PDB file of N, CA and C in Angstrom:
ATOM      1  N   UNK A   1      -1.032-155.886 -62.952  1.00  0.00           N
ATOM      2  CA  UNK A   1      -0.377-156.201 -61.689  1.00  0.00           C
ATOM      3  C   UNK A   1       0.963-156.558 -61.807  1.00  0.00           C
ATOM      4  N   UNK A   2       1.213-157.443 -62.724  1.00  0.00           N
ATOM      5  CA  UNK A   2       2.605-158.083 -62.750  1.00  0.00           C
ATOM      6  C   UNK A   2       3.389-157.370 -63.819  1.00  0.00           C
ATOM      7  N   UNK A   3       2.971-156.274 -64.366  1.00  0.00           N
ATOM      8  CA  UNK A   3       3.742-155.623 -65.583  1.00  0.00           C
ATOM      9  C   UNK A   3       4.841-154.689 -64.946  1.00  0.00           C
ATOM     10  N   UNK A   4       6.073-155.088 -65.032  1.00  0.00           N
ATOM     11  CA  UNK A   4       7.110-154.149 -64.418  1.00  0.00           C
ATOM     12  C   UNK A   4       7.232-152.771 -65.130  1.00  0.00           C
ATOM     13  N   UNK A   5       6.625-152.628 -66.247  1.00  0.00           N
ATOM     14  CA  UNK A   5       6.801-151.318 -66.952  1.00  0.00           C
ATOM     15  C   UNK A   5       5.693-150.438 -66.613  1.00  0.00           C
ATOM     16  N   UNK A   6       4.753-150.961 -65.825  1.00  0.00           N
ATOM     17  CA  UNK A   6       3.656-149.983 -65.377  1.00  0.00           C
ATOM     18  C   UNK A   6       3.699-149.658 -63.917  1.00  0.00           C
ATOM     19  N   UNK A   7       3.989-148.401 -63.549  1.00  0.00           N
ATOM     20  CA  UNK A   7       4.136-148.067 -62.164  1.00  0.00           C
ATOM     21  C   UNK A   7       2.892-147.769 -61.389  1.00  0.00           C
ATOM     22  N   UNK A   8       1.855-147.342 -62.203  1.00  0.00           N
ATOM     23  CA  UNK A   8       0.533-146.869 -61.641  1.00  0.00           C
ATOM     24  C   UNK A   8      -0.505-146.875 -62.738  1.00  0.00           C
ATOM     25  N   UNK A   9      -1.713-146.750 -62.300  1.00  0.00           N
ATOM     26  CA  UNK A   9      -2.813-146.756 -63.387  1.00  0.00           C
ATOM     27  C   UNK A   9      -3.583-145.411 -62.995  1.00  0.00           C
ATOM     28  N   UNK A  10      -3.872-144.604 -63.999  1.00  0.00           N
ATOM     29  CA  UNK A  10      -4.808-143.447 -63.903  1.00  0.00           C
ATOM     30  C   UNK A  10      -5.989-143.702 -64.557  1.00  0.00           C
ATOM     31  N   UNK A  11      -7.173-143.618 -63.951  1.00  0.00           N
ATOM     32  CA  UNK A  11      -8.457-143.860 -64.573  1.00  0.00           C
ATOM     33  C   UNK A  11      -9.204-142.550 -64.613  1.00  0.00           C
ATOM     34  N   UNK A  12      -9.692-142.210 -65.917  1.00  0.00           N
ATOM     35  CA  UNK A  12     -10.458-140.881 -66.021  1.00  0.00           C
ATOM     36  C   UNK A  12     -11.802-141.473 -66.279  1.00  0.00           C
ATOM     37  N   UNK A  13     -12.747-140.945 -65.497  1.00  0.00           N
ATOM     38  CA  UNK A  13     -14.219-141.430 -65.804  1.00  0.00           C
ATOM     39  C   UNK A  13     -15.132-140.243 -65.863  1.00  0.00           C
ATOM     40  N   UNK A  14     -16.444-140.552 -66.000  1.00  0.00           N
ATOM     41  CA  UNK A  14     -17.375-139.474 -66.093  1.00  0.00           C
ATOM     42  C   UNK A  14     -18.677-139.942 -65.421  1.00  0.00           C
ATOM     43  N   UNK A  15     -19.639-138.943 -65.327  1.00  0.00           N
ATOM     44  CA  UNK A  15     -20.888-139.399 -64.821  1.00  0.00           C
ATOM     45  C   UNK A  15     -21.759-140.330 -65.867  1.00  0.00           C
ATOM     46  N   UNK A  16     -22.719-140.933 -65.384  1.00  0.00           N
ATOM     47  CA  UNK A  16     -23.482-141.832 -66.163  1.00  0.00           C
ATOM     48  C   UNK A  16     -22.881-143.126 -66.271  1.00  0.00           C
ATOM     49  N   UNK A  17     -23.741-144.188 -66.387  1.00  0.00           N
ATOM     50  CA  UNK A  17     -23.217-145.556 -66.561  1.00  0.00           C
ATOM     51  C   UNK A  17     -22.735-146.140 -65.377  1.00  0.00           C
ATOM     52  N   UNK A  18     -22.073-147.312 -65.509  1.00  0.00           N
ATOM     53  CA  UNK A  18     -21.430-147.997 -64.262  1.00  0.00           C
ATOM     54  C   UNK A  18     -20.011-148.402 -64.555  1.00  0.00           C
ATOM     55  N   UNK A  19     -19.471-148.066 -65.690  1.00  0.00           N
ATOM     56  CA  UNK A  19     -18.081-148.474 -66.009  1.00  0.00           C
ATOM     57  C   UNK A  19     -17.076-148.231 -64.839  1.00  0.00           C
ATOM     58  N   UNK A  20     -17.235-147.026 -64.187  1.00  0.00           N
ATOM     59  CA  UNK A  20     -16.273-146.746 -63.047  1.00  0.00           C
ATOM     60  C   UNK A  20     -16.457-147.669 -61.896  1.00  0.00           C
ATOM     61  N   UNK A  21     -17.778-148.017 -61.593  1.00  0.00           N
ATOM     62  CA  UNK A  21     -17.987-148.958 -60.537  1.00  0.00           C
ATOM     63  C   UNK A  21     -17.407-150.195 -60.792  1.00  0.00           C
ATOM     64  N   UNK A  22     -17.589-150.733 -62.000  1.00  0.00           N
ATOM     65  CA  UNK A  22     -17.059-151.991 -62.429  1.00  0.00           C
ATOM     66  C   UNK A  22     -15.602-152.012 -62.420  1.00  0.00           C
ATOM     67  N   UNK A  23     -14.909-150.791 -62.769  1.00  0.00           N
ATOM     68  CA  UNK A  23     -13.469-150.846 -62.735  1.00  0.00           C
ATOM     69  C   UNK A  23     -13.045-150.866 -61.257  1.00  0.00           C
ATOM     70  N   UNK A  24     -13.693-150.287 -60.313  1.00  0.00           N
ATOM     71  CA  UNK A  24     -13.370-150.297 -58.872  1.00  0.00           C
ATOM     72  C   UNK A  24     -13.455-151.681 -58.401  1.00  0.00           C
ATOM     73  N   UNK A  25     -14.473-152.435 -58.760  1.00  0.00           N
ATOM     74  CA  UNK A  25     -14.503-153.971 -58.453  1.00  0.00           C
ATOM     75  C   UNK A  25     -13.418-154.667 -59.030  1.00  0.00           C
ATOM     76  N   UNK A  26     -12.863-154.461 -60.228  1.00  0.00           N
ATOM     77  CA  UNK A  26     -11.800-155.008 -60.845  1.00  0.00           C
ATOM     78  C   UNK A  26     -10.494-154.658 -60.079  1.00  0.00           C
ATOM     79  N   UNK A  27     -10.309-153.444 -59.770  1.00  0.00           N
ATOM     80  CA  UNK A  27      -9.075-152.986 -58.975  1.00  0.00           C
ATOM     81  C   UNK A  27      -9.162-153.700 -57.833  1.00  0.00           C
ATOM     82  N   UNK A  28     -10.235-153.763 -56.983  1.00  0.00           N
ATOM     83  CA  UNK A  28     -10.187-154.386 -55.712  1.00  0.00           C
ATOM     84  C   UNK A  28      -9.886-155.820 -55.702  1.00  0.00           C
ATOM     85  N   UNK A  29     -10.336-156.516 -56.807  1.00  0.00           N
ATOM     86  CA  UNK A  29      -9.984-157.902 -56.929  1.00  0.00           C
ATOM     87  C   UNK A  29      -8.635-158.319 -57.533  1.00  0.00           C
ATOM     88  N   UNK A  30      -8.222-157.475 -58.388  1.00  0.00           N
ATOM     89  CA  UNK A  30      -7.085-157.810 -59.371  1.00  0.00           C
ATOM     90  C   UNK A  30      -5.900-157.074 -59.259  1.00  0.00           C
ATOM     91  N   UNK A  31      -5.974-155.769 -58.732  1.00  0.00           N
ATOM     92  CA  UNK A  31      -4.834-154.916 -58.850  1.00  0.00           C
ATOM     93  C   UNK A  31      -4.189-154.554 -57.479  1.00  0.00           C
ATOM     94  N   UNK A  32      -4.431-155.224 -56.534  1.00  0.00           N
ATOM     95  CA  UNK A  32      -3.776-154.990 -55.136  1.00  0.00           C
ATOM     96  C   UNK A  32      -2.323-154.790 -55.281  1.00  0.00           C
ATOM     97  N   UNK A  33      -1.823-153.729 -54.705  1.00  0.00           N
ATOM     98  CA  UNK A  33      -0.450-153.383 -54.753  1.00  0.00           C
ATOM     99  C   UNK A  33       0.041-152.619 -55.825  1.00  0.00           C
ATOM    100  N   UNK A  34      -0.749-152.224 -56.877  1.00  0.00           N
ATOM    101  CA  UNK A  34      -0.527-151.241 -57.915  1.00  0.00           C
ATOM    102  C   UNK A  34      -1.220-149.950 -57.649  1.00  0.00           C
ATOM    103  N   UNK A  35      -0.484-148.865 -57.498  1.00  0.00           N
ATOM    104  CA  UNK A  35      -1.331-147.662 -57.245  1.00  0.00           C
ATOM    105  C   UNK A  35      -2.248-147.326 -58.370  1.00  0.00           C
ATOM    106  N   UNK A  36      -3.416-146.984 -57.934  1.00  0.00           N
ATOM    107  CA  UNK A  36      -4.437-146.485 -58.886  1.00  0.00           C
ATOM    108  C   UNK A  36      -5.079-145.185 -58.518  1.00  0.00           C
ATOM    109  N   UNK A  37      -5.065-144.145 -59.457  1.00  0.00           N
ATOM    110  CA  UNK A  37      -5.565-142.907 -59.054  1.00  0.00           C
ATOM    111  C   UNK A  37      -6.677-142.532 -60.081  1.00  0.00           C
ATOM    112  N   UNK A  38      -7.713-141.879 -59.765  1.00  0.00           N
ATOM    113  CA  UNK A  38      -8.791-141.660 -60.620  1.00  0.00           C
ATOM    114  C   UNK A  38      -9.283-140.125 -60.571  1.00  0.00           C
ATOM    115  N   UNK A  39     -10.057-139.718 -61.595  1.00  0.00           N
ATOM    116  CA  UNK A  39     -10.730-138.485 -61.558  1.00  0.00           C
ATOM    117  C   UNK A  39     -12.032-138.696 -62.375  1.00  0.00           C
ATOM    118  N   UNK A  40     -13.219-138.138 -61.799  1.00  0.00           N
ATOM    119  CA  UNK A  40     -14.525-138.418 -62.257  1.00  0.00           C
ATOM    120  C   UNK A  40     -14.954-136.881 -62.714  1.00  0.00           C
ATOM    121  N   UNK A  41     -15.182-136.782 -63.967  1.00  0.00           N
ATOM    122  CA  UNK A  41     -15.673-135.509 -64.533  1.00  0.00           C
ATOM    123  C   UNK A  41     -17.153-135.437 -64.376  1.00  0.00           C
ATOM    124  N   UNK A  42     -17.678-134.250 -64.221  1.00  0.00           N
ATOM    125  CA  UNK A  42     -19.120-134.058 -64.229  1.00  0.00           C
ATOM    126  C   UNK A  42     -19.673-133.935 -62.766  1.00  0.00           C
ATOM    127  N   UNK A  43     -18.788-133.603 -61.747  1.00  0.00           N
ATOM    128  CA  UNK A  43     -19.302-133.671 -60.372  1.00  0.00           C
ATOM    129  C   UNK A  43     -20.466-132.617 -60.189  1.00  0.00           C
ATOM    130  N   UNK A  44     -20.412-131.545 -61.007  1.00  0.00           N
ATOM    131  CA  UNK A  44     -21.576-130.527 -60.790  1.00  0.00           C
ATOM    132  C   UNK A  44     -22.650-130.657 -61.645  1.00  0.00           C
ATOM    133  N   UNK A  45     -22.693-131.721 -62.416  1.00  0.00           N
ATOM    134  CA  UNK A  45     -23.857-131.840 -63.378  1.00  0.00           C
ATOM    135  C   UNK A  45     -25.238-132.147 -62.670  1.00  0.00           C
ATOM    136  N   UNK A  46     -26.301-131.442 -63.080  1.00  0.00           N
ATOM    137  CA  UNK A  46     -27.544-131.745 -62.392  1.00  0.00           C
ATOM    138  C   UNK A  46     -28.147-133.065 -62.878  1.00  0.00           C
ATOM    139  N   UNK A  47     -28.807-133.711 -61.897  1.00  0.00           N
ATOM    140  CA  UNK A  47     -29.605-135.003 -62.263  1.00  0.00           C
ATOM    141  C   UNK A  47     -30.465-134.890 -63.437  1.00  0.00           C
ATOM    142  N   UNK A  48     -30.368-135.732 -64.419  1.00  0.00           N
ATOM    143  CA  UNK A  48     -31.247-135.704 -65.507  1.00  0.00           C
ATOM    144  C   UNK A  48     -30.722-135.006 -66.585  1.00  0.00           C
ATOM    145  N   UNK A  49     -29.594-134.201 -66.566  1.00  0.00           N
ATOM    146  CA  UNK A  49     -29.100-133.346 -67.652  1.00  0.00           C
ATOM    147  C   UNK A  49     -28.087-134.256 -68.475  1.00  0.00           C
ATOM    148  N   UNK A  50     -28.262-134.231 -69.745  1.00  0.00           N
ATOM    149  CA  UNK A  50     -27.384-134.803 -70.778  1.00  0.00           C
ATOM    150  C   UNK A  50     -26.066-134.072 -70.833  1.00  0.00           C
ATOM    151  N   UNK A  51     -24.997-134.864 -70.777  1.00  0.00           N
ATOM    152  CA  UNK A  51     -23.727-134.067 -70.771  1.00  0.00           C
ATOM    153  C   UNK A  51     -22.779-134.739 -71.952  1.00  0.00           C
ATOM    154  N   UNK A  52     -22.949-134.209 -73.095  1.00  0.00           N
ATOM    155  CA  UNK A  52     -22.097-134.523 -74.275  1.00  0.00           C
ATOM    156  C   UNK A  52     -22.454-135.818 -75.098  1.00  0.00           C
ATOM    157  N   UNK A  53     -22.870-136.809 -74.458  1.00  0.00           N
ATOM    158  CA  UNK A  53     -23.402-138.017 -75.191  1.00  0.00           C
ATOM    159  C   UNK A  53     -24.379-138.755 -74.389  1.00  0.00           C
ATOM    160  N   UNK A  54     -25.021-139.745 -75.030  1.00  0.00           N
ATOM    161  CA  UNK A  54     -26.227-140.494 -74.453  1.00  0.00           C
ATOM    162  C   UNK A  54     -25.776-141.171 -73.187  1.00  0.00           C
ATOM    163  N   UNK A  55     -24.496-141.618 -73.188  1.00  0.00           N
ATOM    164  CA  UNK A  55     -24.125-142.418 -71.901  1.00  0.00           C
ATOM    165  C   UNK A  55     -23.790-141.777 -70.759  1.00  0.00           C
ATOM    166  N   UNK A  56     -23.798-140.336 -70.898  1.00  0.00           N
ATOM    167  CA  UNK A  56     -23.419-139.508 -69.668  1.00  0.00           C
ATOM    168  C   UNK A  56     -24.542-138.814 -69.146  1.00  0.00           C
ATOM    169  N   UNK A  57     -25.662-139.617 -68.787  1.00  0.00           N
ATOM    170  CA  UNK A  57     -26.729-139.053 -68.103  1.00  0.00           C
ATOM    171  C   UNK A  57     -27.029-139.608 -66.752  1.00  0.00           C
ATOM    172  N   UNK A  58     -27.304-138.990 -65.780  1.00  0.00           N
ATOM    173  CA  UNK A  58     -27.589-139.384 -64.460  1.00  0.00           C
ATOM    174  C   UNK A  58     -29.077-139.602 -64.380  1.00  0.00           C
ATOM    175  N   UNK A  59     -29.630-140.811 -64.013  1.00  0.00           N
ATOM    176  CA  UNK A  59     -31.063-140.965 -63.951  1.00  0.00           C
ATOM    177  C   UNK A  59     -31.241-141.824 -62.627  1.00  0.00           C
ATOM    178  N   UNK A  60     -32.311-141.504 -61.828  1.00  0.00           N
ATOM    179  CA  UNK A  60     -32.639-142.185 -60.624  1.00  0.00           C
ATOM    180  C   UNK A  60     -31.528-142.429 -59.726  1.00  0.00           C
ATOM    181  N   UNK A  61     -30.653-141.485 -59.678  1.00  0.00           N
ATOM    182  CA  UNK A  61     -29.457-141.573 -58.639  1.00  0.00           C
ATOM    183  C   UNK A  61     -28.397-142.435 -59.101  1.00  0.00           C
ATOM    184  N   UNK A  62     -28.626-143.230 -60.151  1.00  0.00           N
ATOM    185  CA  UNK A  62     -27.491-144.082 -60.651  1.00  0.00           C
ATOM    186  C   UNK A  62     -26.557-143.284 -61.479  1.00  0.00           C
ATOM    187  N   UNK A  63     -25.193-143.716 -61.372  1.00  0.00           N
ATOM    188  CA  UNK A  63     -24.219-143.057 -62.253  1.00  0.00           C
ATOM    189  C   UNK A  63     -23.794-141.606 -61.729  1.00  0.00           C
ATOM    190  N   UNK A  64     -24.066-141.225 -60.616  1.00  0.00           N
ATOM    191  CA  UNK A  64     -23.723-139.990 -60.026  1.00  0.00           C
ATOM    192  C   UNK A  64     -22.061-139.947 -59.778  1.00  0.00           C
ATOM    193  N   UNK A  65     -21.548-138.833 -59.731  1.00  0.00           N
ATOM    194  CA  UNK A  65     -20.147-138.720 -59.519  1.00  0.00           C
ATOM    195  C   UNK A  65     -19.873-139.164 -58.039  1.00  0.00           C
ATOM    196  N   UNK A  66     -20.777-138.803 -57.134  1.00  0.00           N
ATOM    197  CA  UNK A  66     -20.642-139.238 -55.678  1.00  0.00           C
ATOM    198  C   UNK A  66     -20.595-140.602 -55.555  1.00  0.00           C
ATOM    199  N   UNK A  67     -21.469-141.357 -56.276  1.00  0.00           N
ATOM    200  CA  UNK A  67     -21.466-142.830 -56.171  1.00  0.00           C
ATOM    201  C   UNK A  67     -20.315-143.482 -56.705  1.00  0.00           C
ATOM    202  N   UNK A  68     -19.787-142.982 -57.785  1.00  0.00           N
ATOM    203  CA  UNK A  68     -18.622-143.565 -58.377  1.00  0.00           C
ATOM    204  C   UNK A  68     -17.412-143.281 -57.578  1.00  0.00           C
ATOM    205  N   UNK A  69     -17.288-141.991 -56.917  1.00  0.00           N
ATOM    206  CA  UNK A  69     -16.135-141.730 -56.076  1.00  0.00           C
ATOM    207  C   UNK A  69     -16.200-142.598 -54.891  1.00  0.00           C
ATOM    208  N   UNK A  70     -17.355-142.925 -54.263  1.00  0.00           N
ATOM    209  CA  UNK A  70     -17.511-143.818 -52.962  1.00  0.00           C
ATOM    210  C   UNK A  70     -17.081-145.188 -53.477  1.00  0.00           C
ATOM    211  N   UNK A  71     -17.411-145.747 -54.563  1.00  0.00           N
ATOM    212  CA  UNK A  71     -16.974-147.089 -55.018  1.00  0.00           C
ATOM    213  C   UNK A  71     -15.518-147.078 -55.226  1.00  0.00           C
ATOM    214  N   UNK A  72     -15.003-146.119 -55.949  1.00  0.00           N
ATOM    215  CA  UNK A  72     -13.511-145.984 -56.016  1.00  0.00           C
ATOM    216  C   UNK A  72     -12.739-145.988 -54.856  1.00  0.00           C
ATOM    217  N   UNK A  73     -13.188-145.166 -53.967  1.00  0.00           N
ATOM    218  CA  UNK A  73     -12.380-145.049 -52.630  1.00  0.00           C
ATOM    219  C   UNK A  73     -12.483-146.353 -51.860  1.00  0.00           C
ATOM    220  N   UNK A  74     -13.673-146.903 -51.880  1.00  0.00           N
ATOM    221  CA  UNK A  74     -13.803-148.159 -51.118  1.00  0.00           C
ATOM    222  C   UNK A  74     -12.935-149.334 -51.738  1.00  0.00           C
ATOM    223  N   UNK A  75     -12.438-149.067 -52.935  1.00  0.00           N
ATOM    224  CA  UNK A  75     -11.594-150.062 -53.609  1.00  0.00           C
ATOM    225  C   UNK A  75     -10.143-149.697 -53.331  1.00  0.00           C
ATOM    226  N   UNK A  76      -9.882-148.695 -52.601  1.00  0.00           N
ATOM    227  CA  UNK A  76      -8.518-148.173 -52.279  1.00  0.00           C
ATOM    228  C   UNK A  76      -7.893-147.255 -53.293  1.00  0.00           C
ATOM    229  N   UNK A  77      -8.754-146.649 -54.190  1.00  0.00           N
ATOM    230  CA  UNK A  77      -8.334-145.851 -55.185  1.00  0.00           C
ATOM    231  C   UNK A  77      -8.360-144.456 -54.811  1.00  0.00           C
ATOM    232  N   UNK A  78      -7.240-143.652 -54.961  1.00  0.00           N
ATOM    233  CA  UNK A  78      -7.207-142.343 -54.599  1.00  0.00           C
ATOM    234  C   UNK A  78      -7.971-141.471 -55.659  1.00  0.00           C
ATOM    235  N   UNK A  79      -8.808-140.664 -55.304  1.00  0.00           N
ATOM    236  CA  UNK A  79      -9.663-139.917 -56.417  1.00  0.00           C
ATOM    237  C   UNK A  79      -9.263-138.327 -56.319  1.00  0.00           C
ATOM    238  N   UNK A  80      -8.932-137.879 -57.380  1.00  0.00           N
ATOM    239  CA  UNK A  80      -8.495-136.413 -57.476  1.00  0.00           C
ATOM    240  C   UNK A  80      -9.795-135.541 -57.653  1.00  0.00           C
ATOM    241  N   UNK A  81      -9.721-134.414 -56.859  1.00  0.00           N
ATOM    242  CA  UNK A  81     -10.761-133.415 -57.050  1.00  0.00           C
ATOM    243  C   UNK A  81     -10.737-132.730 -58.335  1.00  0.00           C
ATOM    244  N   UNK A  82      -9.634-132.668 -58.999  1.00  0.00           N
ATOM    245  CA  UNK A  82      -9.452-132.044 -60.305  1.00  0.00           C
ATOM    246  C   UNK A  82      -8.396-132.749 -61.025  1.00  0.00           C
ATOM    247  N   UNK A  83      -8.257-132.762 -62.318  1.00  0.00           N
ATOM    248  CA  UNK A  83      -7.197-133.330 -62.990  1.00  0.00           C
ATOM    249  C   UNK A  83      -5.751-132.916 -62.587  1.00  0.00           C
ATOM    250  N   UNK A  84      -5.741-131.598 -62.159  1.00  0.00           N
ATOM    251  CA  UNK A  84      -4.296-131.068 -61.816  1.00  0.00           C
ATOM    252  C   UNK A  84      -3.774-131.745 -60.574  1.00  0.00           C
ATOM    253  N   UNK A  85      -4.672-132.436 -59.750  1.00  0.00           N
ATOM    254  CA  UNK A  85      -4.237-133.112 -58.563  1.00  0.00           C
ATOM    255  C   UNK A  85      -3.705-134.445 -58.802  1.00  0.00           C
ATOM    256  N   UNK A  86      -3.923-135.036 -60.008  1.00  0.00           N
ATOM    257  CA  UNK A  86      -3.404-136.395 -60.216  1.00  0.00           C
ATOM    258  C   UNK A  86      -1.983-136.518 -60.036  1.00  0.00           C
ATOM    259  N   UNK A  87      -1.036-135.685 -60.537  1.00  0.00           N
ATOM    260  CA  UNK A  87       0.372-135.895 -60.132  1.00  0.00           C
ATOM    261  C   UNK A  87       0.724-135.949 -58.578  1.00  0.00           C
ATOM    262  N   UNK A  88      -0.031-135.104 -57.845  1.00  0.00           N
ATOM    263  CA  UNK A  88       0.217-135.144 -56.399  1.00  0.00           C
ATOM    264  C   UNK A  88      -0.167-136.419 -55.827  1.00  0.00           C
ATOM    265  N   UNK A  89      -1.373-136.850 -56.178  1.00  0.00           N
ATOM    266  CA  UNK A  89      -1.890-138.191 -55.682  1.00  0.00           C
ATOM    267  C   UNK A  89      -0.908-139.309 -56.096  1.00  0.00           C
ATOM    268  N   UNK A  90      -0.359-139.269 -57.306  1.00  0.00           N
ATOM    269  CA  UNK A  90       0.575-140.303 -57.739  1.00  0.00           C
ATOM    270  C   UNK A  90       1.882-140.127 -56.779  1.00  0.00           C
ATOM    271  N   UNK A  91       2.239-139.025 -56.529  1.00  0.00           N
ATOM    272  CA  UNK A  91       3.473-138.845 -55.686  1.00  0.00           C
ATOM    273  C   UNK A  91       3.220-139.432 -54.331  1.00  0.00           C
ATOM    274  N   UNK A  92       2.051-139.050 -53.725  1.00  0.00           N
ATOM    275  CA  UNK A  92       1.653-139.616 -52.475  1.00  0.00           C
ATOM    276  C   UNK A  92       1.713-141.073 -52.261  1.00  0.00           C
ATOM    277  N   UNK A  93       1.334-141.784 -53.542  1.00  0.00           N
ATOM    278  CA  UNK A  93       1.255-143.196 -53.696  1.00  0.00           C
ATOM    279  C   UNK A  93       2.859-143.717 -53.881  1.00  0.00           C
ATOM    280  N   UNK A  94       3.667-142.933 -53.956  1.00  0.00           N
ATOM    281  CA  UNK A  94       5.119-143.295 -54.117  1.00  0.00           C
ATOM    282  C   UNK A  94       5.524-143.379 -55.541  1.00  0.00           C
ATOM    283  N   UNK A  95       4.777-142.978 -56.520  1.00  0.00           N
ATOM    284  CA  UNK A  95       5.210-143.031 -57.917  1.00  0.00           C
ATOM    285  C   UNK A  95       5.860-141.663 -58.292  1.00  0.00           C
ATOM    286  N   UNK A  96       7.120-141.859 -58.787  1.00  0.00           N
ATOM    287  CA  UNK A  96       7.935-140.626 -59.281  1.00  0.00           C
ATOM    288  C   UNK A  96       8.048-140.727 -60.723  1.00  0.00           C
ATOM    289  N   UNK A  97       7.946-139.465 -61.307  1.00  0.00           N
ATOM    290  CA  UNK A  97       8.137-139.445 -62.710  1.00  0.00           C
ATOM    291  C   UNK A  97       9.693-139.891 -63.060  1.00  0.00           C
ATOM    292  N   UNK A  98       9.810-140.465 -64.240  1.00  0.00           N
ATOM    293  CA  UNK A  98      11.116-140.832 -64.633  1.00  0.00           C
ATOM    294  C   UNK A  98      11.943-139.599 -64.974  1.00  0.00           C
TER     295      UNK A  98
END
């Protein structure tokens, strides 16, 4: 938050686990005023399907892309529908490339 060299934070997450929800809670508590943009990979993954590694499994509704997106947006984080939308969301937040 206080680093003058950091204009914004970009968070890239994935389905499974709860790291993105914990990051959302941290942003809500500690990073007010610093633009944060996120992308969550795996939106189309079916429940129970392993995606690449053991941590990326959705079980019992926990760790879904939808749940992560809700948590991120509730923390004031803009969530991109695809990685290509990240620059536009940063621009909307007032961040301009050098």
